[in-house]
PDB file of N, CA and C in Angstrom:
ATOM      1  N   MET A   1       0.832  -1.261   0.077  1.00  0.00           N
ATOM      2  CA  MET A   1      -0.045  -0.043  -0.087  1.00  0.00           C
ATOM      3  C   MET A   1       0.901   1.285  -0.259  1.00  0.00           C
ATOM      4  N   LYS A   2       0.561   2.468  -0.864  1.00  0.00           N
ATOM      5  CA  LYS A   2       1.441   3.376  -0.989  1.00  0.00           C
ATOM      6  C   LYS A   2       0.563   4.902  -0.539  1.00  0.00           C
ATOM      7  N   LYS A   3       1.176   5.720   0.287  1.00  0.00           N
ATOM      8  CA  LYS A   3       0.947   6.468   0.634  1.00  0.00           C
ATOM      9  C   LYS A   3       1.285   7.447  -0.011  1.00  0.00           C
ATOM     10  N   THR A   4       0.712   8.762  -0.160  1.00  0.00           N
ATOM     11  CA  THR A   4       1.006  10.293  -0.592  1.00  0.00           C
ATOM     12  C   THR A   4       0.526  11.091   0.557  1.00  0.00           C
ATOM     13  N   TYR A   5       1.022  12.402   1.104  1.00  0.00           N
ATOM     14  CA  TYR A   5       1.048  13.308   1.929  1.00  0.00           C
ATOM     15  C   TYR A   5       0.920  14.425   0.713  1.00  0.00           C
ATOM     16  N   HIS A   6      -0.622  15.171   1.006  1.00  0.00           N
ATOM     17  CA  HIS A   6      -0.818  16.276   0.654  1.00  0.00           C
ATOM     18  C   HIS A   6      -1.336  17.860   1.579  1.00  0.00           C
ATOM     19  N   ASP A   7      -1.300  18.566   1.183  1.00  0.00           N
ATOM     20  CA  ASP A   7      -2.102  19.977   1.721  1.00  0.00           C
ATOM     21  C   ASP A   7      -2.561  20.927   0.927  1.00  0.00           C
ATOM     22  N   TYR A   8      -3.810  20.808   1.129  1.00  0.00           N
ATOM     23  CA  TYR A   8      -5.098  21.863   1.161  1.00  0.00           C
ATOM     24  C   TYR A   8      -5.378  23.039   1.249  1.00  0.00           C
ATOM     25  N   ARG A   9      -5.780  24.606   1.575  1.00  0.00           N
ATOM     26  CA  ARG A   9      -6.096  25.206   2.693  1.00  0.00           C
ATOM     27  C   ARG A   9      -5.726  25.212   3.186  1.00  0.00           C
ATOM     28  N   GLY A  10      -4.131  24.633   3.562  1.00  0.00           N
ATOM     29  CA  GLY A  10      -3.614  24.382   4.570  1.00  0.00           C
ATOM     30  C   GLY A  10      -4.106  22.712   5.143  1.00  0.00           C
ATOM     31  N   TYR A  11      -5.078  22.190   5.204  1.00  0.00           N
ATOM     32  CA  TYR A  11      -5.344  20.631   5.576  1.00  0.00           C
ATOM     33  C   TYR A  11      -4.496  19.618   5.158  1.00  0.00           C
ATOM     34  N   VAL A  12      -3.667  19.092   5.938  1.00  0.00           N
ATOM     35  CA  VAL A  12      -3.537  17.739   4.795  1.00  0.00           C
ATOM     36  C   VAL A  12      -4.398  16.449   5.174  1.00  0.00           C
ATOM     37  N   PHE A  13      -3.827  15.871   3.886  1.00  0.00           N
ATOM     38  CA  PHE A  13      -4.799  14.879   3.378  1.00  0.00           C
ATOM     39  C   PHE A  13      -3.997  13.687   3.433  1.00  0.00           C
ATOM     40  N   SER A  14      -4.745  12.705   2.918  1.00  0.00           N
ATOM     41  CA  SER A  14      -3.633  11.211   2.438  1.00  0.00           C
ATOM     42  C   SER A  14      -3.807  10.805   1.336  1.00  0.00           C
ATOM     43  N   ILE A  15      -3.393  10.260   0.317  1.00  0.00           N
ATOM     44  CA  ILE A  15      -4.237   9.527  -0.660  1.00  0.00           C
ATOM     45  C   ILE A  15      -3.154   7.915  -0.551  1.00  0.00           C
ATOM     46  N   THR A  16      -3.976   7.285  -0.301  1.00  0.00           N
ATOM     47  CA  THR A  16      -3.569   5.741  -0.405  1.00  0.00           C
ATOM     48  C   THR A  16      -3.452   4.593  -2.068  1.00  0.00           C
ATOM     49  N   TYR A  17      -3.277   4.377  -2.267  1.00  0.00           N
ATOM     50  CA  TYR A  17      -3.472   3.597  -3.621  1.00  0.00           C
ATOM     51  C   TYR A  17      -3.817   1.964  -2.813  1.00  0.00           C
ATOM     52  N   GLN A  18      -4.716   1.576  -3.636  1.00  0.00           N
ATOM     53  CA  GLN A  18      -5.214   0.037  -2.844  1.00  0.00           C
ATOM     54  C   GLN A  18      -5.626  -0.584  -4.214  1.00  0.00           C
ATOM     55  N   PRO A  19      -5.427  -2.169  -4.181  1.00  0.00           N
ATOM     56  CA  PRO A  19      -5.424  -2.679  -5.331  1.00  0.00           C
ATOM     57  C   PRO A  19      -6.925  -3.086  -5.777  1.00  0.00           C
ATOM     58  N   LYS A  20      -7.929  -1.648  -5.533  1.00  0.00           N
ATOM     59  CA  LYS A  20      -9.452  -2.263  -5.691  1.00  0.00           C
ATOM     60  C   LYS A  20      -9.588  -1.153  -6.328  1.00  0.00           C
ATOM     61  N   ALA A  21     -10.800  -1.044  -6.683  1.00  0.00           N
ATOM     62  CA  ALA A  21     -11.677   0.081  -7.123  1.00  0.00           C
ATOM     63  C   ALA A  21     -12.415   0.728  -6.028  1.00  0.00           C
ATOM     64  N   PRO A  22     -12.132   1.859  -5.625  1.00  0.00           N
ATOM     65  CA  PRO A  22     -11.550   2.992  -7.053  1.00  0.00           C
ATOM     66  C   PRO A  22      -9.986   3.206  -5.647  1.00  0.00           C
ATOM     67  N   ALA A  23      -8.736   3.120  -7.092  1.00  0.00           N
ATOM     68  CA  ALA A  23      -7.835   2.669  -6.674  1.00  0.00           C
ATOM     69  C   ALA A  23      -7.242   3.930  -5.760  1.00  0.00           C
ATOM     70  N   TYR A  24      -8.095   4.806  -5.443  1.00  0.00           N
ATOM     71  CA  TYR A  24      -7.201   5.708  -5.014  1.00  0.00           C
ATOM     72  C   TYR A  24      -8.087   6.275  -3.480  1.00  0.00           C
ATOM     73  N   ALA A  25      -7.896   6.323  -2.611  1.00  0.00           N
ATOM     74  CA  ALA A  25      -8.553   6.226  -1.368  1.00  0.00           C
ATOM     75  C   ALA A  25      -7.888   7.434  -0.573  1.00  0.00           C
ATOM     76  N   VAL A  26      -8.701   8.572  -0.194  1.00  0.00           N
ATOM     77  CA  VAL A  26      -8.493   9.966   0.123  1.00  0.00           C
ATOM     78  C   VAL A  26      -8.907   9.921   1.988  1.00  0.00           C
ATOM     79  N   ARG A  27      -8.299  10.647   3.459  1.00  0.00           N
ATOM     80  CA  ARG A  27      -8.602  10.970   3.752  1.00  0.00           C
ATOM     81  C   ARG A  27      -7.922  12.215   4.867  1.00  0.00           C
ATOM     82  N   PHE A  28      -8.764  12.459   5.169  1.00  0.00           N
ATOM     83  CA  PHE A  28      -8.455  13.872   6.063  1.00  0.00           C
ATOM     84  C   PHE A  28      -8.571  14.067   7.509  1.00  0.00           C
ATOM     85  N   PRO A  29      -7.509  13.656   8.107  1.00  0.00           N
ATOM     86  CA  PRO A  29      -7.214  13.664  10.021  1.00  0.00           C
ATOM     87  C   PRO A  29      -8.148  14.185   9.971  1.00  0.00           C
ATOM     88  N   ASP A  30      -7.834  16.011   9.695  1.00  0.00           N
ATOM     89  CA  ASP A  30      -8.673  17.223  10.531  1.00  0.00           C
ATOM     90  C   ASP A  30     -10.335  16.782  10.542  1.00  0.00           C
ATOM     91  N   TRP A  31     -10.565  16.618   9.130  1.00  0.00           N
ATOM     92  CA  TRP A  31     -12.124  15.963   9.085  1.00  0.00           C
ATOM     93  C   TRP A  31     -12.006  15.181   8.871  1.00  0.00           C
ATOM     94  N   PRO A  32     -12.296  13.848   9.526  1.00  0.00           N
ATOM     95  CA  PRO A  32     -12.479  12.669   9.681  1.00  0.00           C
ATOM     96  C   PRO A  32     -14.168  11.978   8.604  1.00  0.00           C
ATOM     97  N   THR A  33     -15.116  12.973   8.652  1.00  0.00           N
ATOM     98  CA  THR A  33     -16.333  12.494   8.296  1.00  0.00           C
ATOM     99  C   THR A  33     -16.183  13.087   6.576  1.00  0.00           C
ATOM    100  N   ILE A  34     -15.005  13.865   6.013  1.00  0.00           N
ATOM    101  CA  ILE A  34     -14.283  13.602   4.842  1.00  0.00           C
ATOM    102  C   ILE A  34     -13.901  12.357   3.713  1.00  0.00           C
ATOM    103  N   ILE A  35     -14.388  11.574   3.328  1.00  0.00           N
ATOM    104  CA  ILE A  35     -14.342  10.660   3.314  1.00  0.00           C
ATOM    105  C   ILE A  35     -14.850  10.842   1.482  1.00  0.00           C
ATOM    106  N   THR A  36     -13.072  10.790   0.376  1.00  0.00           N
ATOM    107  CA  THR A  36     -13.706  10.514  -1.375  1.00  0.00           C
ATOM    108  C   THR A  36     -12.506   9.210  -1.680  1.00  0.00           C
ATOM    109  N   SER A  37     -12.582   9.693  -2.549  1.00  0.00           N
ATOM    110  CA  SER A  37     -11.263   8.773  -3.949  1.00  0.00           C
ATOM    111  C   SER A  37     -11.692   8.780  -5.228  1.00  0.00           C
ATOM    112  N   GLY A  38     -10.532   8.301  -5.875  1.00  0.00           N
ATOM    113  CA  GLY A  38     -10.531   8.302  -7.744  1.00  0.00           C
ATOM    114  C   GLY A  38      -9.991   7.664  -7.962  1.00  0.00           C
ATOM    115  N   PRO A  39     -10.102   7.329  -9.557  1.00  0.00           N
ATOM    116  CA  PRO A  39      -9.839   6.327 -10.586  1.00  0.00           C
ATOM    117  C   PRO A  39      -8.271   6.198 -10.610  1.00  0.00           C
ATOM    118  N   THR A  40      -7.791   7.530 -10.394  1.00  0.00           N
ATOM    119  CA  THR A  40      -6.268   8.201 -10.638  1.00  0.00           C
ATOM    120  C   THR A  40      -6.146   8.912  -8.894  1.00  0.00           C
ATOM    121  N   ILE A  41      -4.827   9.222  -9.154  1.00  0.00           N
ATOM    122  CA  ILE A  41      -4.315  10.171  -8.291  1.00  0.00           C
ATOM    123  C   ILE A  41      -4.755  11.454  -8.583  1.00  0.00           C
ATOM    124  N   ALA A  42      -4.655  11.790  -9.746  1.00  0.00           N
ATOM    125  CA  ALA A  42      -4.794  12.988 -10.303  1.00  0.00           C
ATOM    126  C   ALA A  42      -6.347  13.097  -9.472  1.00  0.00           C
ATOM    127  N   ALA A  43      -7.603  12.495 -10.023  1.00  0.00           N
ATOM    128  CA  ALA A  43      -8.794  12.617 -10.081  1.00  0.00           C
ATOM    129  C   ALA A  43      -9.189  12.391  -7.999  1.00  0.00           C
ATOM    130  N   ALA A  44      -7.914  11.475  -7.254  1.00  0.00           N
ATOM    131  CA  ALA A  44      -8.701  11.702  -6.144  1.00  0.00           C
ATOM    132  C   ALA A  44      -7.609  13.093  -5.381  1.00  0.00           C
ATOM    133  N   PHE A  45      -7.053  13.683  -5.792  1.00  0.00           N
ATOM    134  CA  PHE A  45      -6.550  14.822  -5.651  1.00  0.00           C
ATOM    135  C   PHE A  45      -7.787  15.816  -5.917  1.00  0.00           C
ATOM    136  N   ALA A  46      -7.998  15.853  -7.160  1.00  0.00           N
ATOM    137  CA  ALA A  46      -9.195  16.899  -7.440  1.00  0.00           C
ATOM    138  C   ALA A  46     -10.379  16.771  -6.574  1.00  0.00           C
ATOM    139  N   ASN A  47     -10.971  15.420  -6.504  1.00  0.00           N
ATOM    140  CA  ASN A  47     -12.195  15.106  -5.208  1.00  0.00           C
ATOM    141  C   ASN A  47     -11.500  15.882  -4.124  1.00  0.00           C
ATOM    142  N   ALA A  48     -10.279  15.565  -3.376  1.00  0.00           N
ATOM    143  CA  ALA A  48     -10.688  16.239  -1.655  1.00  0.00           C
ATOM    144  C   ALA A  48     -10.460  17.227  -1.795  1.00  0.00           C
ATOM    145  N   CYS A  49      -9.686  17.934  -2.825  1.00  0.00           N
ATOM    146  CA  CYS A  49      -9.936  19.768  -3.020  1.00  0.00           C
ATOM    147  C   CYS A  49     -11.285  19.905  -2.758  1.00  0.00           C
ATOM    148  N   GLU A  50     -12.200  19.070  -3.544  1.00  0.00           N
ATOM    149  CA  GLU A  50     -13.070  19.488  -4.099  1.00  0.00           C
ATOM    150  C   GLU A  50     -14.723  19.503  -2.687  1.00  0.00           C
ATOM    151  N   ALA A  51     -14.151  18.211  -2.068  1.00  0.00           N
ATOM    152  CA  ALA A  51     -14.930  17.804  -1.182  1.00  0.00           C
ATOM    153  C   ALA A  51     -14.604  18.902   0.513  1.00  0.00           C
ATOM    154  N   LEU A  52     -13.097  19.089   0.579  1.00  0.00           N
ATOM    155  CA  LEU A  52     -13.381  20.160   1.584  1.00  0.00           C
ATOM    156  C   LEU A  52     -13.930  21.738   0.935  1.00  0.00           C
ATOM    157  N   ASP A  53     -13.663  22.371   0.713  1.00  0.00           N
ATOM    158  CA  ASP A  53     -14.164  23.080  -0.292  1.00  0.00           C
ATOM    159  C   ASP A  53     -15.737  23.150  -0.332  1.00  0.00           C
ATOM    160  N   LEU A  54     -16.499  21.901  -0.689  1.00  0.00           N
ATOM    161  CA  LEU A  54     -17.764  21.829  -0.075  1.00  0.00           C
ATOM    162  C   LEU A  54     -18.338  21.542   1.129  1.00  0.00           C
ATOM    163  N   HIS A  55     -17.343  20.817   2.050  1.00  0.00           N
ATOM    164  CA  HIS A  55     -17.825  20.709   3.679  1.00  0.00           C
ATOM    165  C   HIS A  55     -17.068  22.451   4.399  1.00  0.00           C
ATOM    166  N   ILE A  56     -15.853  22.908   3.917  1.00  0.00           N
ATOM    167  CA  ILE A  56     -16.205  24.485   4.156  1.00  0.00           C
ATOM    168  C   ILE A  56     -17.319  25.159   3.719  1.00  0.00           C
ATOM    169  N   GLU A  57     -17.649  25.235   2.908  1.00  0.00           N
ATOM    170  CA  GLU A  57     -18.939  26.127   2.578  1.00  0.00           C
ATOM    171  C   GLU A  57     -20.277  25.570   3.578  1.00  0.00           C
ATOM    172  N   SER A  58     -20.444  24.552   3.644  1.00  0.00           N
ATOM    173  CA  SER A  58     -21.411  23.916   4.247  1.00  0.00           C
ATOM    174  C   SER A  58     -21.449  24.224   5.785  1.00  0.00           C
ATOM    175  N   LEU A  59     -20.217  24.312   6.129  1.00  0.00           N
ATOM    176  CA  LEU A  59     -20.145  24.757   7.763  1.00  0.00           C
ATOM    177  C   LEU A  59     -20.632  26.537   7.368  1.00  0.00           C
ATOM    178  N   ARG A  60     -19.974  27.261   6.657  1.00  0.00           N
ATOM    179  CA  ARG A  60     -20.338  29.112   7.070  1.00  0.00           C
ATOM    180  C   ARG A  60     -21.612  28.980   6.356  1.00  0.00           C
ATOM    181  N   LYS A  61     -21.822  28.150   6.045  1.00  0.00           N
ATOM    182  CA  LYS A  61     -23.850  28.811   5.664  1.00  0.00           C
ATOM    183  C   LYS A  61     -24.572  28.211   6.841  1.00  0.00           C
ATOM    184  N   LEU A  62     -23.802  27.415   7.656  1.00  0.00           N
ATOM    185  CA  LEU A  62     -24.633  26.961   9.054  1.00  0.00           C
ATOM    186  C   LEU A  62     -24.788  27.802   9.963  1.00  0.00           C
ATOM    187  N   GLY A  63     -23.285  29.131   9.116  1.00  0.00           N
ATOM    188  CA  GLY A  63     -22.868  29.543  10.328  1.00  0.00           C
ATOM    189  C   GLY A  63     -21.985  29.280  11.630  1.00  0.00           C
ATOM    190  N   LEU A  64     -21.230  27.978  11.663  1.00  0.00           N
ATOM    191  CA  LEU A  64     -20.376  27.172  12.522  1.00  0.00           C
ATOM    192  C   LEU A  64     -19.192  27.574  11.833  1.00  0.00           C
ATOM    193  N   ALA A  65     -18.231  27.597  12.957  1.00  0.00           N
ATOM    194  CA  ALA A  65     -16.994  28.195  13.097  1.00  0.00           C
ATOM    195  C   ALA A  65     -16.342  26.802  12.056  1.00  0.00           C
ATOM    196  N   VAL A  66     -15.556  27.803  10.842  1.00  0.00           N
ATOM    197  CA  VAL A  66     -14.239  26.573  11.015  1.00  0.00           C
ATOM    198  C   VAL A  66     -13.171  26.201  11.483  1.00  0.00           C
ATOM    199  N   PRO A  67     -12.394  24.887  11.667  1.00  0.00           N
ATOM    200  CA  PRO A  67     -11.703  24.929  12.976  1.00  0.00           C
ATOM    201  C   PRO A  67     -10.295  25.109  12.379  1.00  0.00           C
ATOM    202  N   ARG A  68      -8.992  25.556  12.845  1.00  0.00           N
ATOM    203  CA  ARG A  68      -7.930  25.518  12.604  1.00  0.00           C
ATOM    204  C   ARG A  68      -7.404  24.293  11.580  1.00  0.00           C
ATOM    205  N   PRO A  69      -6.631  23.818  11.480  1.00  0.00           N
ATOM    206  CA  PRO A  69      -5.590  22.945  10.361  1.00  0.00           C
ATOM    207  C   PRO A  69      -5.033  22.598  12.273  1.00  0.00           C
ATOM    208  N   LYS A  70      -4.560  21.305  12.756  1.00  0.00           N
ATOM    209  CA  LYS A  70      -3.826  20.240  13.509  1.00  0.00           C
ATOM    210  C   LYS A  70      -3.328  19.870  13.317  1.00  0.00           C
ATOM    211  N   HIS A  71      -3.096  19.402  11.754  1.00  0.00           N
ATOM    212  CA  HIS A  71      -2.121  18.242  10.911  1.00  0.00           C
ATOM    213  C   HIS A  71      -1.374  19.061   9.992  1.00  0.00           C
ATOM    214  N   ARG A  72      -0.097  19.077  10.123  1.00  0.00           N
ATOM    215  CA  ARG A  72       0.880  19.688   9.084  1.00  0.00           C
ATOM    216  C   ARG A  72       1.622  18.378   8.596  1.00  0.00           C
ATOM    217  N   ILE A  73       2.416  18.936   7.304  1.00  0.00           N
ATOM    218  CA  ILE A  73       3.324  18.002   6.575  1.00  0.00           C
ATOM    219  C   ILE A  73       4.636  18.485   6.890  1.00  0.00           C
ATOM    220  N   THR A  74       5.374  17.753   8.110  1.00  0.00           N
ATOM    221  CA  THR A  74       6.854  18.173   7.774  1.00  0.00           C
ATOM    222  C   THR A  74       7.778  17.457   6.854  1.00  0.00           C
ATOM    223  N   VAL A  75       8.498  18.205   6.312  1.00  0.00           N
ATOM    224  CA  VAL A  75       9.901  17.713   5.829  1.00  0.00           C
ATOM    225  C   VAL A  75      11.336  18.005   5.921  1.00  0.00           C
ATOM    226  N   SER A  76      11.829  16.681   6.373  1.00  0.00           N
ATOM    227  CA  SER A  76      13.397  16.744   7.043  1.00  0.00           C
ATOM    228  C   SER A  76      14.381  15.879   5.786  1.00  0.00           C
ATOM    229  N   ALA A  77      15.193  16.436   6.367  1.00  0.00           N
ATOM    230  CA  ALA A  77      16.649  16.152   5.294  1.00  0.00           C
ATOM    231  C   ALA A  77      17.179  15.072   6.104  1.00  0.00           C
ATOM    232  N   LYS A  78      17.753  13.771   5.927  1.00  0.00           N
ATOM    233  CA  LYS A  78      18.578  12.962   6.352  1.00  0.00           C
ATOM    234  C   LYS A  78      19.908  13.517   6.063  1.00  0.00           C
ATOM    235  N   GLY A  79      21.040  13.540   6.759  1.00  0.00           N
ATOM    236  CA  GLY A  79      21.931  13.629   7.084  1.00  0.00           C
ATOM    237  C   GLY A  79      22.785  12.917   7.007  1.00  0.00           C
TER     238      GLY A  79
END
């Protein structure tokens, strides 16, 4: 299983390859209720961005606060 990490609007999400359809599953650690996927990594990325945008838009329309991101991507260099 191969997993990549991405950032959109400051929120981290992972895209995990799985050898079954849909091939790429997306998870947001800050938003466990947002789950999406795609047949390609590009489609999964686009679906993740759209899902997050729609979720934030819904919260705002309901007059609810949008929590700040709790997770972030860190990069370290091995020497």
